[in-house]
Amino acid sequence: MIPSTAFLQQAATAVAVTVPPWGAAAYKIGLIKDAFTPSPSLVKADVVMADFTDSDPKDLNETTAKFGIDPITGDWLLVLTPPAGGWIWATPDTVNLPQTIYGWCLLNTAGTVLLGSDLIDPPVAVTAALDVVDLGSLVMRLPLIFLQ
């Protein structure tokens, strides 16, 4: 059987409303400081988290699904709404510097399970006090192929 578009849209909607952070009390967004390649098989042990002062993962407290369909690819997009102040990390000192931030990841509440990741292009070199990492808008992309 080849599923119809209507079926795929219903399946995508069901996935979108159950994928973190929707329905979750709190997930976290963390910074990754070593080069990596995002993939569905990536696990927390495969990445090295940033460890400069104030680089702790930020809570993602979201209860309203913000998702839609990319009209070009058909992929489902899930927007990870930023906390007050945005997805911004600033280091107040030079502890554990320099480091280069290559990407970000979505973690479970305990910060032990990696649920998704993406690269920052270009990577951000954090070398001095008051350097900032600003992730801007974060979006999880669910390719249509995963829903077929």
C-alpha atoms as a PDB file:
ATOM      1  CA  MET A   1       0.000   0.000   0.000  1.00  0.00           C
ATOM      2  CA  ILE A   2       1.180   3.503  -0.797  1.00  0.00           C
ATOM      3  CA  PRO A   3      -0.181   5.856   1.858  1.00  0.00           C
ATOM      4  CA  SER A   4      -2.151   8.854   0.666  1.00  0.00           C
ATOM      5  CA  THR A   5      -1.190  12.439   1.439  1.00  0.00           C
ATOM      6  CA  ALA A   6      -4.170  12.646   3.804  1.00  0.00           C
ATOM      7  CA  PHE A   7      -2.876   9.639   5.748  1.00  0.00           C
ATOM      8  CA  LEU A   8       0.670  11.043   5.868  1.00  0.00           C
ATOM      9  CA  GLN A   9      -0.608  14.388   7.132  1.00  0.00           C
ATOM     10  CA  GLN A  10      -2.616  12.665   9.868  1.00  0.00           C
ATOM     11  CA  ALA A  11       0.455  10.606  10.835  1.00  0.00           C
ATOM     12  CA  ALA A  12       2.668  13.714  10.850  1.00  0.00           C
ATOM     13  CA  THR A  13       0.179  15.565  13.045  1.00  0.00           C
ATOM     14  CA  ALA A  14       0.121  12.661  15.510  1.00  0.00           C
ATOM     15  CA  VAL A  15       3.930  12.620  15.616  1.00  0.00           C
ATOM     16  CA  ALA A  16       4.187  16.402  15.925  1.00  0.00           C
ATOM     17  CA  VAL A  17       1.921  16.631  18.965  1.00  0.00           C
ATOM     18  CA  THR A  18       3.780  13.853  20.800  1.00  0.00           C
ATOM     19  CA  VAL A  19       7.393  14.782  19.961  1.00  0.00           C
ATOM     20  CA  PRO A  20       9.141  16.769  22.678  1.00  0.00           C
ATOM     21  CA  PRO A  21       8.708  19.459  23.771  1.00  0.00           C
ATOM     22  CA  TRP A  22       4.962  19.305  23.203  1.00  0.00           C
ATOM     23  CA  GLY A  23       3.230  17.696  26.112  1.00  0.00           C
ATOM     24  CA  ALA A  24       6.515  17.748  28.028  1.00  0.00           C
ATOM     25  CA  ALA A  25       7.130  19.707  31.196  1.00  0.00           C
ATOM     26  CA  ALA A  26      10.680  20.663  30.310  1.00  0.00           C
ATOM     27  CA  TYR A  27      13.333  19.598  27.854  1.00  0.00           C
ATOM     28  CA  LYS A  28      16.669  21.320  27.376  1.00  0.00           C
ATOM     29  CA  ILE A  29      18.715  22.877  24.586  1.00  0.00           C
ATOM     30  CA  GLY A  30      22.453  22.438  24.982  1.00  0.00           C
ATOM     31  CA  LEU A  31      25.570  23.577  23.122  1.00  0.00           C
ATOM     32  CA  ILE A  32      28.004  21.098  21.539  1.00  0.00           C
ATOM     33  CA  LYS A  33      31.667  22.109  21.571  1.00  0.00           C
ATOM     34  CA  ASP A  34      33.345  19.472  19.379  1.00  0.00           C
ATOM     35  CA  ALA A  35      32.817  18.778  15.686  1.00  0.00           C
ATOM     36  CA  PHE A  36      30.067  16.221  15.040  1.00  0.00           C
ATOM     37  CA  THR A  37      27.743  15.025  12.309  1.00  0.00           C
ATOM     38  CA  PRO A  38      24.024  15.154  13.140  1.00  0.00           C
ATOM     39  CA  SER A  39      22.235  11.881  12.473  1.00  0.00           C
ATOM     40  CA  PRO A  40      19.252   9.951  13.813  1.00  0.00           C
ATOM     41  CA  SER A  41      21.656   7.486  15.477  1.00  0.00           C
ATOM     42  CA  LEU A  42      23.625  10.158  17.379  1.00  0.00           C
ATOM     43  CA  VAL A  43      23.575   9.665  21.165  1.00  0.00           C
ATOM     44  CA  LYS A  44      24.689  11.900  24.038  1.00  0.00           C
ATOM     45  CA  ALA A  45      27.964   9.973  24.453  1.00  0.00           C
ATOM     46  CA  ASP A  46      28.877  10.910  20.850  1.00  0.00           C
ATOM     47  CA  VAL A  47      29.030  14.647  21.583  1.00  0.00           C
ATOM     48  CA  VAL A  48      30.981  16.886  23.956  1.00  0.00           C
ATOM     49  CA  MET A  49      28.866  19.535  25.625  1.00  0.00           C
ATOM     50  CA  ALA A  50      30.093  23.110  26.080  1.00  0.00           C
ATOM     51  CA  ASP A  51      31.516  23.723  29.544  1.00  0.00           C
ATOM     52  CA  PHE A  52      32.343  27.415  29.725  1.00  0.00           C
ATOM     53  CA  THR A  53      30.815  29.362  32.615  1.00  0.00           C
ATOM     54  CA  ASP A  54      27.022  29.715  32.163  1.00  0.00           C
ATOM     55  CA  SER A  55      26.913  27.239  29.258  1.00  0.00           C
ATOM     56  CA  ASP A  56      24.447  24.951  31.032  1.00  0.00           C
ATOM     57  CA  PRO A  57      21.590  23.700  28.840  1.00  0.00           C
ATOM     58  CA  LYS A  58      18.548  25.978  28.851  1.00  0.00           C
ATOM     59  CA  ASP A  59      15.092  24.676  29.779  1.00  0.00           C
ATOM     60  CA  LEU A  60      12.517  24.361  27.057  1.00  0.00           C
ATOM     61  CA  ASN A  61       9.117  24.854  28.651  1.00  0.00           C
ATOM     62  CA  GLU A  62       6.642  24.625  25.832  1.00  0.00           C
ATOM     63  CA  THR A  63       3.116  23.295  25.893  1.00  0.00           C
ATOM     64  CA  THR A  64       1.669  24.589  22.624  1.00  0.00           C
ATOM     65  CA  ALA A  65       2.627  22.817  19.423  1.00  0.00           C
ATOM     66  CA  LYS A  66       4.036  25.162  16.821  1.00  0.00           C
ATOM     67  CA  PHE A  67       4.402  23.123  13.686  1.00  0.00           C
ATOM     68  CA  GLY A  68       3.694  23.302  10.009  1.00  0.00           C
ATOM     69  CA  ILE A  69       4.623  21.904   6.621  1.00  0.00           C
ATOM     70  CA  ASP A  70       7.486  23.175   4.460  1.00  0.00           C
ATOM     71  CA  PRO A  71       5.726  23.748   1.107  1.00  0.00           C
ATOM     72  CA  ILE A  72       8.905  22.983  -0.857  1.00  0.00           C
ATOM     73  CA  THR A  73      10.015  19.708   0.757  1.00  0.00           C
ATOM     74  CA  GLY A  74       6.834  18.511   2.455  1.00  0.00           C
ATOM     75  CA  ASP A  75       8.816  18.131   5.694  1.00  0.00           C
ATOM     76  CA  TRP A  76       7.123  18.893   8.991  1.00  0.00           C
ATOM     77  CA  LEU A  77       8.748  21.718  10.947  1.00  0.00           C
ATOM     78  CA  LEU A  78       8.511  21.960  14.732  1.00  0.00           C
ATOM     79  CA  VAL A  79       9.516  25.346  16.137  1.00  0.00           C
ATOM     80  CA  LEU A  80      11.327  25.276  19.494  1.00  0.00           C
ATOM     81  CA  THR A  81      10.134  28.499  21.100  1.00  0.00           C
ATOM     82  CA  PRO A  82      12.934  30.316  22.953  1.00  0.00           C
ATOM     83  CA  PRO A  83      12.765  31.206  26.636  1.00  0.00           C
ATOM     84  CA  ALA A  84      12.719  34.852  27.707  1.00  0.00           C
ATOM     85  CA  GLY A  85      15.991  36.292  26.474  1.00  0.00           C
ATOM     86  CA  GLY A  86      16.274  33.839  23.582  1.00  0.00           C
ATOM     87  CA  TRP A  87      18.604  30.964  22.830  1.00  0.00           C
ATOM     88  CA  ILE A  88      21.603  33.045  23.905  1.00  0.00           C
ATOM     89  CA  TRP A  89      24.569  32.033  26.040  1.00  0.00           C
ATOM     90  CA  ALA A  90      27.184  34.568  27.217  1.00  0.00           C
ATOM     91  CA  THR A  91      30.304  33.722  29.162  1.00  0.00           C
ATOM     92  CA  PRO A  92      31.094  36.099  32.029  1.00  0.00           C
ATOM     93  CA  ASP A  93      34.736  35.013  32.308  1.00  0.00           C
ATOM     94  CA  THR A  94      37.447  32.956  30.597  1.00  0.00           C
ATOM     95  CA  VAL A  95      37.007  29.662  32.483  1.00  0.00           C
ATOM     96  CA  ASN A  96      37.431  26.701  30.077  1.00  0.00           C
ATOM     97  CA  LEU A  97      38.042  29.024  27.124  1.00  0.00           C
ATOM     98  CA  PRO A  98      38.708  28.965  24.279  1.00  0.00           C
ATOM     99  CA  GLN A  99      36.142  26.593  22.796  1.00  0.00           C
ATOM    100  CA  THR A 100      34.348  26.406  19.500  1.00  0.00           C
ATOM    101  CA  ILE A 101      30.609  25.741  19.480  1.00  0.00           C
ATOM    102  CA  TYR A 102      29.757  23.545  16.513  1.00  0.00           C
ATOM    103  CA  GLY A 103      26.083  22.912  17.180  1.00  0.00           C
ATOM    104  CA  TRP A 104      23.185  22.436  19.539  1.00  0.00           C
ATOM    105  CA  CYS A 105      21.039  19.571  20.765  1.00  0.00           C
ATOM    106  CA  LEU A 106      17.658  18.837  22.270  1.00  0.00           C
ATOM    107  CA  LEU A 107      18.020  16.853  25.513  1.00  0.00           C
ATOM    108  CA  ASN A 108      15.587  15.198  27.883  1.00  0.00           C
ATOM    109  CA  THR A 109      14.841  16.916  31.204  1.00  0.00           C
ATOM    110  CA  ALA A 110      17.755  15.209  32.963  1.00  0.00           C
ATOM    111  CA  GLY A 111      20.120  16.116  30.139  1.00  0.00           C
ATOM    112  CA  THR A 112      21.067  12.472  29.634  1.00  0.00           C
ATOM    113  CA  VAL A 113      19.333  11.570  26.356  1.00  0.00           C
ATOM    114  CA  LEU A 114      20.011  13.358  23.072  1.00  0.00           C
ATOM    115  CA  LEU A 115      16.749  13.746  21.139  1.00  0.00           C
ATOM    116  CA  GLY A 116      18.012  15.734  18.160  1.00  0.00           C
ATOM    117  CA  SER A 117      20.870  17.933  17.030  1.00  0.00           C
ATOM    118  CA  ASP A 118      21.942  20.450  14.421  1.00  0.00           C
ATOM    119  CA  LEU A 119      25.046  22.339  13.342  1.00  0.00           C
ATOM    120  CA  ILE A 120      25.727  26.046  13.716  1.00  0.00           C
ATOM    121  CA  ASP A 121      26.983  27.502  10.453  1.00  0.00           C
ATOM    122  CA  PRO A 122      29.526  28.894  10.896  1.00  0.00           C
ATOM    123  CA  PRO A 123      30.717  27.482  14.227  1.00  0.00           C
ATOM    124  CA  VAL A 124      31.149  30.088  16.976  1.00  0.00           C
ATOM    125  CA  ALA A 125      34.553  30.612  18.596  1.00  0.00           C
ATOM    126  CA  VAL A 126      34.168  31.567  22.260  1.00  0.00           C
ATOM    127  CA  THR A 127      37.516  33.016  23.322  1.00  0.00           C
ATOM    128  CA  ALA A 128      36.945  35.844  25.803  1.00  0.00           C
ATOM    129  CA  ALA A 129      34.686  37.034  28.600  1.00  0.00           C
ATOM    130  CA  LEU A 130      31.382  38.414  27.302  1.00  0.00           C
ATOM    131  CA  ASP A 131      31.507  36.378  24.063  1.00  0.00           C
ATOM    132  CA  VAL A 132      27.999  35.341  23.034  1.00  0.00           C
ATOM    133  CA  VAL A 133      26.510  32.307  21.305  1.00  0.00           C
ATOM    134  CA  ASP A 134      23.134  33.215  19.782  1.00  0.00           C
ATOM    135  CA  LEU A 135      21.280  30.303  18.186  1.00  0.00           C
ATOM    136  CA  GLY A 136      18.451  32.455  16.872  1.00  0.00           C
ATOM    137  CA  SER A 137      15.443  30.393  15.771  1.00  0.00           C
ATOM    138  CA  LEU A 138      15.537  26.639  16.399  1.00  0.00           C
ATOM    139  CA  VAL A 139      13.499  24.253  14.286  1.00  0.00           C
ATOM    140  CA  MET A 140      13.260  20.464  14.265  1.00  0.00           C
ATOM    141  CA  ARG A 141      12.658  19.077  10.776  1.00  0.00           C
ATOM    142  CA  LEU A 142      10.765  15.814  10.388  1.00  0.00           C
ATOM    143  CA  PRO A 143      11.462  14.717   6.807  1.00  0.00           C
ATOM    144  CA  LEU A 144       8.446  13.291   5.040  1.00  0.00           C
ATOM    145  CA  ILE A 145      10.380  10.051   4.448  1.00  0.00           C
ATOM    146  CA  PHE A 146      10.282   9.329   8.222  1.00  0.00           C
ATOM    147  CA  LEU A 147       6.498   9.547   8.117  1.00  0.00           C
ATOM    148  CA  GLN A 148       6.039   7.124   5.214  1.00  0.00           C
END
